[in-house]
Amino acid sequence: MTDFLAVDTSSKYLTVIAKHGDKVVCRYTGECAMRHSVILMSEIDEALKEAGMTPADCSFFAAVTGPGSFTGIRIGISAAKGMAFATGKKLLGVTSFDLVAYNVNSLNPFVVAIDAMHNMYYVCGYDEHKKITLAPCYISAERVEELGVDIYGFEDLPLKNYIKLNAGDCLLNAVRALSDNLTDTIHALYVRKSQAEEARK
């Protein structure tokens, strides 16, 4: 696979991956909610230095596009777009659902759940081949459990049949699986309106 830089700022976690040749550097911060904009660029700089590369060495830049933190998503996308524009390279958008799905080893259908707060979840369903069977939606915890399949995610969620993955391990596999889907631009995936937009009604 070609060299790349990937970032995930969609949740309270922060992941930065720099791949250069056979070397893969992963910098993971477990608790940095509301601080992504403060530490992201320094984490990118450290990851690139450790990998022995510069942004110009990257073939593409990847960012997690959501759903998740509205502000966090925009920070990661903006960083990836800025570096892609400066270097003339391609972009890769990875949804929060794909972030998890491409780390699930299961021969059965499953769903990915992302905490949307207030007992609500962003959910997307997949078959055993990672094809989407349930389009991204915003539903209650009860409705998630009624789907009757295993539920995967990277947070501590109080759901039945829930399996938690290691957030720091997820980004690399997802980028590798989707690296043929490069584009000239990426956009945030908003499954529902932001709180500010809802308040304007």
N, C-alpha and C. Protein backbone atom coordinates (compact mmCIF):
# COMPACT_ATOMS: atom_id res chain seq x y z
N MET A 1 0.84 -1.19 0.00
CA MET A 1 0.00 0.00 0.00
C MET A 1 0.88 1.25 0.00
N THR A 2 0.38 2.29 -0.62
CA THR A 2 1.10 3.55 -0.68
C THR A 2 1.16 4.22 0.69
N ASP A 3 2.01 5.21 0.82
CA ASP A 3 2.18 5.91 2.08
C ASP A 3 1.03 6.89 2.32
N PHE A 4 0.69 7.09 3.59
CA PHE A 4 -0.43 7.97 3.89
C PHE A 4 -0.36 8.50 5.31
N LEU A 5 -1.20 9.51 5.56
CA LEU A 5 -1.43 10.02 6.90
C LEU A 5 -2.93 9.96 7.14
N ALA A 6 -3.35 9.43 8.29
CA ALA A 6 -4.77 9.32 8.61
C ALA A 6 -5.03 9.84 10.01
N VAL A 7 -6.18 10.51 10.18
CA VAL A 7 -6.53 11.06 11.49
C VAL A 7 -7.98 10.72 11.84
N ASP A 8 -8.21 10.53 13.13
CA ASP A 8 -9.57 10.33 13.64
C ASP A 8 -9.78 11.28 14.80
N THR A 9 -10.64 12.27 14.59
CA THR A 9 -10.98 13.24 15.63
C THR A 9 -12.49 13.24 15.88
N SER A 10 -13.14 12.14 15.56
CA SER A 10 -14.61 12.10 15.58
C SER A 10 -15.21 11.84 16.96
N SER A 11 -14.38 11.49 17.92
CA SER A 11 -14.89 11.17 19.26
C SER A 11 -13.97 11.77 20.31
N LYS A 12 -14.10 11.29 21.55
CA LYS A 12 -13.23 11.81 22.60
C LYS A 12 -11.80 11.30 22.45
N TYR A 13 -11.61 10.33 21.57
CA TYR A 13 -10.28 9.81 21.29
C TYR A 13 -9.62 10.61 20.17
N LEU A 14 -8.32 10.43 20.04
CA LEU A 14 -7.58 10.99 18.91
C LEU A 14 -6.61 9.93 18.42
N THR A 15 -6.68 9.65 17.13
CA THR A 15 -5.74 8.70 16.52
C THR A 15 -5.09 9.36 15.32
N VAL A 16 -3.78 9.25 15.23
CA VAL A 16 -3.03 9.73 14.08
C VAL A 16 -2.13 8.60 13.61
N ILE A 17 -2.20 8.26 12.32
CA ILE A 17 -1.37 7.20 11.77
C ILE A 17 -0.57 7.73 10.59
N ALA A 18 0.72 7.44 10.60
CA ALA A 18 1.59 7.78 9.48
C ALA A 18 2.22 6.49 8.98
N LYS A 19 2.04 6.19 7.70
CA LYS A 19 2.63 4.99 7.12
C LYS A 19 3.64 5.39 6.07
N HIS A 20 4.85 4.89 6.22
CA HIS A 20 5.94 5.19 5.28
C HIS A 20 6.69 3.90 5.00
N GLY A 21 6.49 3.35 3.80
CA GLY A 21 7.10 2.07 3.49
C GLY A 21 6.54 0.99 4.40
N ASP A 22 7.43 0.24 5.03
CA ASP A 22 7.00 -0.82 5.95
C ASP A 22 6.75 -0.30 7.37
N LYS A 23 7.04 0.98 7.60
CA LYS A 23 6.90 1.52 8.95
C LYS A 23 5.53 2.15 9.14
N VAL A 24 4.85 1.78 10.21
CA VAL A 24 3.56 2.35 10.56
C VAL A 24 3.65 2.93 11.96
N VAL A 25 3.38 4.22 12.08
CA VAL A 25 3.40 4.89 13.38
C VAL A 25 1.97 5.23 13.75
N CYS A 26 1.55 4.79 14.91
CA CYS A 26 0.19 5.09 15.40
C CYS A 26 0.31 5.83 16.73
N ARG A 27 -0.23 7.03 16.77
CA ARG A 27 -0.26 7.82 17.99
C ARG A 27 -1.72 7.92 18.44
N TYR A 28 -1.97 7.43 19.64
CA TYR A 28 -3.35 7.35 20.14
C TYR A 28 -3.45 8.04 21.48
N THR A 29 -4.42 8.93 21.60
CA THR A 29 -4.69 9.62 22.86
C THR A 29 -6.11 9.24 23.29
N GLY A 30 -6.24 8.62 24.46
CA GLY A 30 -7.52 8.08 24.88
C GLY A 30 -8.54 9.09 25.34
N GLU A 31 -8.11 10.19 25.91
CA GLU A 31 -9.05 11.17 26.45
C GLU A 31 -8.59 12.57 26.05
N CYS A 32 -9.20 13.11 25.01
CA CYS A 32 -8.82 14.48 24.61
C CYS A 32 -10.02 15.26 24.11
N ALA A 33 -11.22 14.94 24.62
CA ALA A 33 -12.42 15.65 24.21
C ALA A 33 -12.24 17.15 24.39
N MET A 34 -12.67 17.91 23.39
CA MET A 34 -12.58 19.37 23.37
C MET A 34 -11.15 19.87 23.21
N ARG A 35 -10.18 18.98 22.95
CA ARG A 35 -8.80 19.41 22.80
C ARG A 35 -8.20 19.00 21.45
N HIS A 36 -9.03 18.46 20.56
CA HIS A 36 -8.50 18.02 19.27
C HIS A 36 -7.78 19.15 18.52
N SER A 37 -8.39 20.32 18.53
CA SER A 37 -7.81 21.44 17.79
C SER A 37 -6.49 21.89 18.40
N VAL A 38 -6.30 21.61 19.68
CA VAL A 38 -5.09 22.04 20.38
C VAL A 38 -3.92 21.11 20.09
N ILE A 39 -4.18 19.81 20.06
CA ILE A 39 -3.07 18.84 19.99
C ILE A 39 -2.94 18.13 18.64
N LEU A 40 -3.93 18.26 17.75
CA LEU A 40 -3.89 17.48 16.52
C LEU A 40 -2.64 17.74 15.70
N MET A 41 -2.32 18.99 15.43
CA MET A 41 -1.20 19.27 14.53
C MET A 41 0.14 18.83 15.13
N SER A 42 0.29 18.94 16.45
CA SER A 42 1.53 18.48 17.06
C SER A 42 1.63 16.96 16.99
N GLU A 43 0.49 16.27 17.13
CA GLU A 43 0.49 14.81 17.00
C GLU A 43 0.81 14.38 15.57
N ILE A 44 0.28 15.11 14.61
CA ILE A 44 0.60 14.83 13.21
C ILE A 44 2.09 15.03 12.96
N ASP A 45 2.62 16.12 13.47
CA ASP A 45 4.05 16.42 13.28
C ASP A 45 4.92 15.33 13.89
N GLU A 46 4.57 14.87 15.09
CA GLU A 46 5.35 13.83 15.75
C GLU A 46 5.25 12.50 15.00
N ALA A 47 4.06 12.17 14.52
CA ALA A 47 3.88 10.92 13.78
C ALA A 47 4.69 10.92 12.49
N LEU A 48 4.66 12.03 11.78
CA LEU A 48 5.43 12.14 10.53
C LEU A 48 6.93 12.03 10.80
N LYS A 49 7.39 12.71 11.84
CA LYS A 49 8.81 12.66 12.19
C LYS A 49 9.23 11.24 12.54
N GLU A 50 8.40 10.56 13.33
CA GLU A 50 8.73 9.20 13.76
C GLU A 50 8.75 8.24 12.57
N ALA A 51 7.89 8.51 11.59
CA ALA A 51 7.85 7.67 10.40
C ALA A 51 8.92 8.04 9.38
N GLY A 52 9.60 9.18 9.61
CA GLY A 52 10.64 9.63 8.70
C GLY A 52 10.11 10.14 7.39
N MET A 53 9.02 10.92 7.46
CA MET A 53 8.40 11.40 6.23
C MET A 53 7.87 12.82 6.41
N THR A 54 7.45 13.42 5.31
CA THR A 54 6.82 14.73 5.31
C THR A 54 5.46 14.58 4.64
N PRO A 55 4.59 15.59 4.74
CA PRO A 55 3.30 15.49 4.04
C PRO A 55 3.46 15.23 2.55
N ALA A 56 4.51 15.75 1.95
CA ALA A 56 4.72 15.55 0.51
C ALA A 56 4.97 14.09 0.16
N ASP A 57 5.40 13.29 1.13
CA ASP A 57 5.66 11.87 0.88
C ASP A 57 4.38 11.04 0.87
N CYS A 58 3.28 11.62 1.35
CA CYS A 58 2.02 10.88 1.42
C CYS A 58 1.35 10.81 0.05
N SER A 59 0.79 9.66 -0.26
CA SER A 59 0.01 9.51 -1.49
C SER A 59 -1.41 10.00 -1.28
N PHE A 60 -1.89 9.94 -0.03
CA PHE A 60 -3.22 10.46 0.27
C PHE A 60 -3.32 10.76 1.76
N PHE A 61 -4.39 11.49 2.10
CA PHE A 61 -4.67 11.86 3.49
C PHE A 61 -6.09 11.39 3.82
N ALA A 62 -6.22 10.74 4.95
CA ALA A 62 -7.52 10.18 5.34
C ALA A 62 -8.01 10.81 6.64
N ALA A 63 -9.33 10.93 6.73
CA ALA A 63 -9.95 11.44 7.96
C ALA A 63 -11.27 10.73 8.18
N VAL A 64 -11.61 10.54 9.45
CA VAL A 64 -12.90 9.95 9.80
C VAL A 64 -13.95 11.05 9.67
N THR A 65 -15.01 10.77 8.93
CA THR A 65 -16.01 11.78 8.57
C THR A 65 -17.27 11.75 9.42
N GLY A 66 -17.32 10.87 10.41
CA GLY A 66 -18.47 10.83 11.28
C GLY A 66 -19.37 9.64 10.99
N PRO A 67 -20.45 9.55 11.75
CA PRO A 67 -20.93 10.52 12.73
C PRO A 67 -20.13 10.51 14.03
N GLY A 68 -20.37 11.54 14.83
CA GLY A 68 -19.66 11.69 16.08
C GLY A 68 -19.72 13.13 16.52
N SER A 69 -18.64 13.62 17.09
CA SER A 69 -18.57 15.01 17.53
C SER A 69 -18.59 15.93 16.32
N PHE A 70 -19.59 16.81 16.25
CA PHE A 70 -19.70 17.70 15.09
C PHE A 70 -18.45 18.55 14.92
N THR A 71 -17.94 19.10 16.03
CA THR A 71 -16.74 19.93 15.96
C THR A 71 -15.52 19.09 15.65
N GLY A 72 -15.39 17.96 16.31
CA GLY A 72 -14.23 17.09 16.09
C GLY A 72 -14.12 16.63 14.65
N ILE A 73 -15.25 16.25 14.07
CA ILE A 73 -15.25 15.80 12.67
C ILE A 73 -14.71 16.88 11.75
N ARG A 74 -15.17 18.11 11.96
CA ARG A 74 -14.74 19.22 11.09
C ARG A 74 -13.24 19.48 11.24
N ILE A 75 -12.73 19.31 12.45
CA ILE A 75 -11.29 19.54 12.67
C ILE A 75 -10.46 18.55 11.87
N GLY A 76 -10.81 17.27 11.94
CA GLY A 76 -10.05 16.25 11.22
C GLY A 76 -10.15 16.41 9.71
N ILE A 77 -11.35 16.66 9.22
CA ILE A 77 -11.54 16.83 7.78
C ILE A 77 -10.77 18.05 7.28
N SER A 78 -10.82 19.14 8.03
CA SER A 78 -10.11 20.35 7.62
C SER A 78 -8.61 20.12 7.55
N ALA A 79 -8.07 19.39 8.52
CA ALA A 79 -6.63 19.10 8.52
C ALA A 79 -6.25 18.28 7.30
N ALA A 80 -7.03 17.23 7.01
CA ALA A 80 -6.74 16.38 5.85
C ALA A 80 -6.86 17.16 4.55
N LYS A 81 -7.91 17.96 4.43
CA LYS A 81 -8.11 18.75 3.22
C LYS A 81 -6.98 19.76 3.03
N GLY A 82 -6.55 20.37 4.12
CA GLY A 82 -5.48 21.36 4.01
C GLY A 82 -4.19 20.75 3.50
N MET A 83 -3.83 19.58 4.02
CA MET A 83 -2.60 18.93 3.58
C MET A 83 -2.73 18.41 2.15
N ALA A 84 -3.91 17.92 1.80
CA ALA A 84 -4.12 17.44 0.43
C ALA A 84 -4.03 18.59 -0.56
N PHE A 85 -4.60 19.73 -0.21
CA PHE A 85 -4.55 20.90 -1.09
C PHE A 85 -3.11 21.39 -1.25
N ALA A 86 -2.37 21.41 -0.14
CA ALA A 86 -0.99 21.92 -0.19
C ALA A 86 -0.07 21.02 -0.99
N THR A 87 -0.35 19.72 -1.01
CA THR A 87 0.53 18.76 -1.68
C THR A 87 -0.02 18.24 -3.00
N GLY A 88 -1.27 18.57 -3.31
CA GLY A 88 -1.87 18.09 -4.54
C GLY A 88 -2.20 16.61 -4.52
N LYS A 89 -2.44 16.06 -3.33
CA LYS A 89 -2.70 14.63 -3.19
C LYS A 89 -4.19 14.35 -2.98
N LYS A 90 -4.55 13.08 -2.98
CA LYS A 90 -5.93 12.65 -2.87
C LYS A 90 -6.37 12.54 -1.40
N LEU A 91 -7.68 12.34 -1.24
CA LEU A 91 -8.28 12.22 0.09
C LEU A 91 -9.05 10.91 0.22
N LEU A 92 -9.19 10.45 1.45
CA LEU A 92 -10.00 9.28 1.74
C LEU A 92 -10.87 9.57 2.96
N GLY A 93 -12.18 9.44 2.78
CA GLY A 93 -13.10 9.59 3.90
C GLY A 93 -13.46 8.22 4.47
N VAL A 94 -13.35 8.08 5.77
CA VAL A 94 -13.70 6.84 6.45
C VAL A 94 -14.80 7.16 7.46
N THR A 95 -15.97 6.53 7.33
CA THR A 95 -17.02 6.81 8.30
C THR A 95 -16.70 6.15 9.64
N SER A 96 -17.33 6.64 10.69
CA SER A 96 -17.16 6.03 12.01
C SER A 96 -17.66 4.59 12.00
N PHE A 97 -18.65 4.32 11.15
CA PHE A 97 -19.18 2.95 11.04
C PHE A 97 -18.15 2.04 10.39
N ASP A 98 -17.57 2.49 9.28
CA ASP A 98 -16.55 1.68 8.62
C ASP A 98 -15.32 1.50 9.50
N LEU A 99 -15.03 2.52 10.30
CA LEU A 99 -13.91 2.45 11.23
C LEU A 99 -14.00 1.19 12.09
N VAL A 100 -15.21 0.88 12.53
CA VAL A 100 -15.43 -0.30 13.35
C VAL A 100 -15.62 -1.54 12.49
N ALA A 101 -16.45 -1.44 11.44
CA ALA A 101 -16.84 -2.61 10.65
C ALA A 101 -15.66 -3.37 10.08
N TYR A 102 -14.64 -2.65 9.63
CA TYR A 102 -13.50 -3.32 9.02
C TYR A 102 -12.52 -3.90 10.04
N ASN A 103 -12.95 -3.89 11.30
CA ASN A 103 -12.19 -4.57 12.35
C ASN A 103 -13.01 -5.69 12.99
N VAL A 104 -14.17 -5.95 12.43
CA VAL A 104 -15.04 -7.02 12.94
C VAL A 104 -14.76 -8.31 12.18
N ASN A 105 -14.46 -9.35 12.91
CA ASN A 105 -14.27 -10.67 12.31
C ASN A 105 -15.48 -11.53 12.67
N SER A 106 -16.45 -11.53 11.78
CA SER A 106 -17.69 -12.26 12.05
C SER A 106 -18.26 -12.80 10.75
N LEU A 107 -18.85 -13.96 10.81
CA LEU A 107 -19.52 -14.55 9.65
C LEU A 107 -21.02 -14.28 9.70
N ASN A 108 -21.42 -13.41 10.61
CA ASN A 108 -22.84 -13.10 10.77
C ASN A 108 -23.09 -11.60 10.57
N PRO A 109 -24.31 -11.24 10.22
CA PRO A 109 -24.65 -9.81 10.13
C PRO A 109 -24.45 -9.14 11.48
N PHE A 110 -24.17 -7.85 11.46
CA PHE A 110 -23.94 -7.11 12.71
C PHE A 110 -24.25 -5.64 12.48
N VAL A 111 -24.30 -4.89 13.56
CA VAL A 111 -24.45 -3.45 13.46
C VAL A 111 -23.34 -2.77 14.22
N VAL A 112 -23.03 -1.56 13.80
CA VAL A 112 -22.08 -0.70 14.51
C VAL A 112 -22.90 0.40 15.17
N ALA A 113 -22.62 0.66 16.44
CA ALA A 113 -23.34 1.69 17.20
C ALA A 113 -22.37 2.74 17.72
N ILE A 114 -22.74 3.99 17.53
CA ILE A 114 -21.97 5.13 18.02
C ILE A 114 -22.86 5.92 18.98
N ASP A 115 -22.35 6.23 20.14
CA ASP A 115 -23.13 6.95 21.14
C ASP A 115 -23.51 8.34 20.64
N ALA A 116 -24.82 8.63 20.61
CA ALA A 116 -25.31 9.96 20.22
C ALA A 116 -25.89 10.71 21.43
N MET A 117 -25.72 10.12 22.61
CA MET A 117 -26.15 10.71 23.89
C MET A 117 -27.66 10.64 24.07
N HIS A 118 -28.08 10.78 25.31
CA HIS A 118 -29.50 10.77 25.68
C HIS A 118 -30.20 9.47 25.26
N ASN A 119 -29.48 8.35 25.42
CA ASN A 119 -30.03 7.02 25.12
C ASN A 119 -30.34 6.83 23.64
N MET A 120 -29.66 7.60 22.79
CA MET A 120 -29.83 7.49 21.34
C MET A 120 -28.49 7.10 20.72
N TYR A 121 -28.57 6.45 19.55
CA TYR A 121 -27.36 5.95 18.91
C TYR A 121 -27.41 6.18 17.39
N TYR A 122 -26.21 6.40 16.83
CA TYR A 122 -26.05 6.34 15.39
C TYR A 122 -25.74 4.88 15.06
N VAL A 123 -26.45 4.32 14.12
CA VAL A 123 -26.32 2.89 13.84
C VAL A 123 -26.24 2.64 12.34
N CYS A 124 -25.45 1.64 11.97
CA CYS A 124 -25.36 1.19 10.59
C CYS A 124 -25.18 -0.32 10.60
N GLY A 125 -25.92 -1.02 9.73
CA GLY A 125 -25.87 -2.47 9.70
C GLY A 125 -25.06 -3.01 8.53
N TYR A 126 -24.39 -4.14 8.74
CA TYR A 126 -23.54 -4.77 7.73
C TYR A 126 -23.82 -6.26 7.65
N ASP A 127 -23.57 -6.82 6.46
CA ASP A 127 -23.58 -8.28 6.37
C ASP A 127 -22.17 -8.80 6.58
N GLU A 128 -21.99 -10.10 6.43
CA GLU A 128 -20.68 -10.70 6.71
C GLU A 128 -19.60 -10.28 5.72
N HIS A 129 -20.01 -9.65 4.60
CA HIS A 129 -19.04 -9.19 3.59
C HIS A 129 -18.77 -7.69 3.70
N LYS A 130 -19.25 -7.09 4.77
CA LYS A 130 -19.09 -5.65 5.04
C LYS A 130 -19.94 -4.79 4.10
N LYS A 131 -20.96 -5.36 3.51
CA LYS A 131 -21.90 -4.59 2.71
C LYS A 131 -22.98 -4.03 3.63
N ILE A 132 -23.36 -2.78 3.40
CA ILE A 132 -24.34 -2.13 4.27
C ILE A 132 -25.74 -2.71 4.03
N THR A 133 -26.37 -3.16 5.11
CA THR A 133 -27.72 -3.71 5.05
C THR A 133 -28.74 -2.81 5.74
N LEU A 134 -28.25 -1.94 6.60
CA LEU A 134 -29.09 -0.95 7.27
C LEU A 134 -28.40 0.39 7.14
N ALA A 135 -29.01 1.30 6.40
CA ALA A 135 -28.40 2.61 6.16
C ALA A 135 -28.22 3.36 7.48
N PRO A 136 -27.22 4.23 7.56
CA PRO A 136 -26.99 4.99 8.78
C PRO A 136 -28.27 5.65 9.28
N CYS A 137 -28.53 5.49 10.57
CA CYS A 137 -29.75 6.03 11.15
C CYS A 137 -29.51 6.46 12.60
N TYR A 138 -30.49 7.13 13.15
CA TYR A 138 -30.42 7.68 14.50
C TYR A 138 -31.59 7.09 15.28
N ILE A 139 -31.31 6.13 16.17
CA ILE A 139 -32.38 5.39 16.83
C ILE A 139 -32.09 5.20 18.32
N SER A 140 -33.11 4.79 19.04
CA SER A 140 -33.00 4.60 20.49
C SER A 140 -32.27 3.31 20.83
N ALA A 141 -31.83 3.22 22.07
CA ALA A 141 -31.15 2.01 22.54
C ALA A 141 -32.06 0.80 22.41
N GLU A 142 -33.33 0.97 22.73
CA GLU A 142 -34.28 -0.13 22.62
C GLU A 142 -34.37 -0.63 21.19
N ARG A 143 -34.43 0.28 20.25
CA ARG A 143 -34.53 -0.10 18.84
C ARG A 143 -33.25 -0.79 18.37
N VAL A 144 -32.11 -0.37 18.86
CA VAL A 144 -30.84 -1.01 18.50
C VAL A 144 -30.87 -2.47 18.93
N GLU A 145 -31.26 -2.71 20.18
CA GLU A 145 -31.27 -4.07 20.71
C GLU A 145 -32.33 -4.94 20.03
N GLU A 146 -33.41 -4.32 19.55
CA GLU A 146 -34.45 -5.08 18.86
C GLU A 146 -33.99 -5.60 17.50
N LEU A 147 -32.89 -5.09 17.00
CA LEU A 147 -32.38 -5.57 15.72
C LEU A 147 -31.93 -7.03 15.81
N GLY A 148 -31.60 -7.46 17.02
CA GLY A 148 -31.32 -8.88 17.26
C GLY A 148 -30.02 -9.41 16.71
N VAL A 149 -29.04 -8.55 16.53
CA VAL A 149 -27.73 -9.00 16.04
C VAL A 149 -26.66 -8.46 16.96
N ASP A 150 -25.43 -8.95 16.79
CA ASP A 150 -24.32 -8.44 17.58
C ASP A 150 -24.09 -6.97 17.27
N ILE A 151 -23.69 -6.23 18.29
CA ILE A 151 -23.46 -4.80 18.17
C ILE A 151 -22.00 -4.52 18.48
N TYR A 152 -21.34 -3.78 17.61
CA TYR A 152 -19.93 -3.46 17.79
C TYR A 152 -19.72 -1.95 17.89
N GLY A 153 -18.66 -1.58 18.59
CA GLY A 153 -18.30 -0.17 18.71
C GLY A 153 -16.95 -0.05 19.39
N PHE A 154 -16.55 1.19 19.69
CA PHE A 154 -15.26 1.40 20.35
C PHE A 154 -15.40 2.21 21.64
N GLU A 155 -16.65 2.34 22.12
CA GLU A 155 -16.91 3.06 23.36
C GLU A 155 -17.48 2.10 24.40
N ASP A 156 -17.61 2.55 25.63
CA ASP A 156 -18.29 1.77 26.66
C ASP A 156 -19.79 2.04 26.53
N LEU A 157 -20.53 1.10 25.96
CA LEU A 157 -21.95 1.29 25.72
C LEU A 157 -22.78 0.26 26.49
N PRO A 158 -23.87 0.68 27.13
CA PRO A 158 -24.70 -0.23 27.93
C PRO A 158 -25.76 -0.94 27.08
N LEU A 159 -25.31 -1.67 26.08
CA LEU A 159 -26.22 -2.36 25.17
C LEU A 159 -26.03 -3.87 25.27
N LYS A 160 -27.12 -4.61 25.13
CA LYS A 160 -27.04 -6.07 25.10
C LYS A 160 -26.35 -6.52 23.82
N ASN A 161 -25.64 -7.65 23.90
CA ASN A 161 -24.93 -8.21 22.74
C ASN A 161 -23.91 -7.24 22.18
N TYR A 162 -23.33 -6.43 23.07
CA TYR A 162 -22.36 -5.42 22.63
C TYR A 162 -20.93 -5.91 22.79
N ILE A 163 -20.12 -5.66 21.77
CA ILE A 163 -18.71 -6.05 21.77
C ILE A 163 -17.88 -4.80 21.51
N LYS A 164 -17.02 -4.48 22.46
CA LYS A 164 -16.19 -3.28 22.34
C LYS A 164 -14.85 -3.61 21.72
N LEU A 165 -14.48 -2.84 20.70
CA LEU A 165 -13.17 -2.98 20.06
C LEU A 165 -12.22 -1.92 20.61
N ASN A 166 -10.94 -2.11 20.37
CA ASN A 166 -9.94 -1.15 20.81
C ASN A 166 -9.87 0.00 19.81
N ALA A 167 -10.28 1.18 20.23
CA ALA A 167 -10.36 2.33 19.33
C ALA A 167 -9.03 2.62 18.64
N GLY A 168 -7.93 2.47 19.35
CA GLY A 168 -6.64 2.79 18.77
C GLY A 168 -6.21 1.86 17.65
N ASP A 169 -6.84 0.68 17.58
CA ASP A 169 -6.47 -0.29 16.55
C ASP A 169 -7.32 -0.19 15.29
N CYS A 170 -8.40 0.55 15.35
CA CYS A 170 -9.41 0.49 14.28
C CYS A 170 -9.03 1.24 13.00
N LEU A 171 -8.40 2.39 13.11
CA LEU A 171 -8.21 3.26 11.95
C LEU A 171 -7.36 2.62 10.86
N LEU A 172 -6.28 1.96 11.23
CA LEU A 172 -5.36 1.40 10.24
C LEU A 172 -6.05 0.39 9.33
N ASN A 173 -6.77 -0.56 9.91
CA ASN A 173 -7.45 -1.58 9.10
C ASN A 173 -8.50 -0.99 8.19
N ALA A 174 -9.23 0.01 8.67
CA ALA A 174 -10.26 0.64 7.86
C ALA A 174 -9.65 1.38 6.66
N VAL A 175 -8.57 2.11 6.90
CA VAL A 175 -7.91 2.82 5.80
C VAL A 175 -7.36 1.83 4.78
N ARG A 176 -6.76 0.77 5.25
CA ARG A 176 -6.24 -0.25 4.33
C ARG A 176 -7.35 -0.85 3.49
N ALA A 177 -8.50 -1.13 4.10
CA ALA A 177 -9.60 -1.77 3.38
C ALA A 177 -10.23 -0.84 2.35
N LEU A 178 -10.19 0.47 2.60
CA LEU A 178 -10.90 1.42 1.75
C LEU A 178 -9.98 2.25 0.86
N SER A 179 -8.71 1.93 0.83
CA SER A 179 -7.72 2.79 0.17
C SER A 179 -7.88 2.90 -1.35
N ASP A 180 -8.75 2.10 -1.95
CA ASP A 180 -9.01 2.23 -3.38
C ASP A 180 -10.06 3.30 -3.67
N ASN A 181 -10.67 3.85 -2.61
CA ASN A 181 -11.77 4.80 -2.79
C ASN A 181 -11.32 6.25 -2.63
N LEU A 182 -10.20 6.60 -3.21
CA LEU A 182 -9.67 7.95 -3.06
C LEU A 182 -10.48 8.94 -3.89
N THR A 183 -10.60 10.18 -3.37
CA THR A 183 -11.38 11.21 -4.04
C THR A 183 -10.66 12.55 -3.96
N ASP A 184 -11.25 13.55 -4.58
CA ASP A 184 -10.67 14.89 -4.54
C ASP A 184 -11.15 15.69 -3.34
N THR A 185 -12.25 15.25 -2.73
CA THR A 185 -12.75 15.95 -1.55
C THR A 185 -13.51 14.97 -0.67
N ILE A 186 -13.71 15.33 0.58
CA ILE A 186 -14.48 14.51 1.52
C ILE A 186 -15.42 15.42 2.29
N HIS A 187 -16.51 14.85 2.78
CA HIS A 187 -17.51 15.62 3.49
C HIS A 187 -17.91 14.90 4.78
N ALA A 188 -18.36 15.68 5.74
CA ALA A 188 -18.82 15.11 7.00
C ALA A 188 -20.10 14.31 6.79
N LEU A 189 -20.23 13.21 7.52
CA LEU A 189 -21.45 12.41 7.51
C LEU A 189 -22.28 12.81 8.72
N TYR A 190 -23.35 13.53 8.48
CA TYR A 190 -24.25 13.94 9.55
C TYR A 190 -25.53 13.11 9.44
N VAL A 191 -25.75 12.24 10.41
CA VAL A 191 -26.94 11.39 10.41
C VAL A 191 -28.14 12.16 10.96
N ARG A 192 -27.88 13.18 11.74
CA ARG A 192 -28.94 14.06 12.24
C ARG A 192 -28.40 15.48 12.29
N LYS A 193 -29.28 16.44 12.51
CA LYS A 193 -28.87 17.84 12.61
C LYS A 193 -28.16 18.06 13.94
N SER A 194 -27.29 19.06 13.96
CA SER A 194 -26.59 19.40 15.19
C SER A 194 -27.57 20.01 16.19
N GLN A 195 -27.15 20.07 17.46
CA GLN A 195 -28.00 20.64 18.50
C GLN A 195 -28.32 22.09 18.18
N ALA A 196 -27.36 22.83 17.64
CA ALA A 196 -27.58 24.23 17.30
C ALA A 196 -28.63 24.36 16.20
N GLU A 197 -28.57 23.46 15.21
CA GLU A 197 -29.56 23.49 14.13
C GLU A 197 -30.94 23.14 14.65
N GLU A 198 -31.01 22.15 15.54
CA GLU A 198 -32.29 21.77 16.11
C GLU A 198 -32.89 22.91 16.92
N ALA A 199 -32.03 23.67 17.61
CA ALA A 199 -32.50 24.77 18.46
C ALA A 199 -33.07 25.91 17.66
N ARG A 200 -32.71 26.01 16.37
CA ARG A 200 -33.21 27.10 15.53
C ARG A 200 -34.64 26.88 15.06
N LYS A 201 -35.15 25.65 15.23
CA LYS A 201 -36.51 25.35 14.77
C LYS A 201 -37.56 26.19 15.52
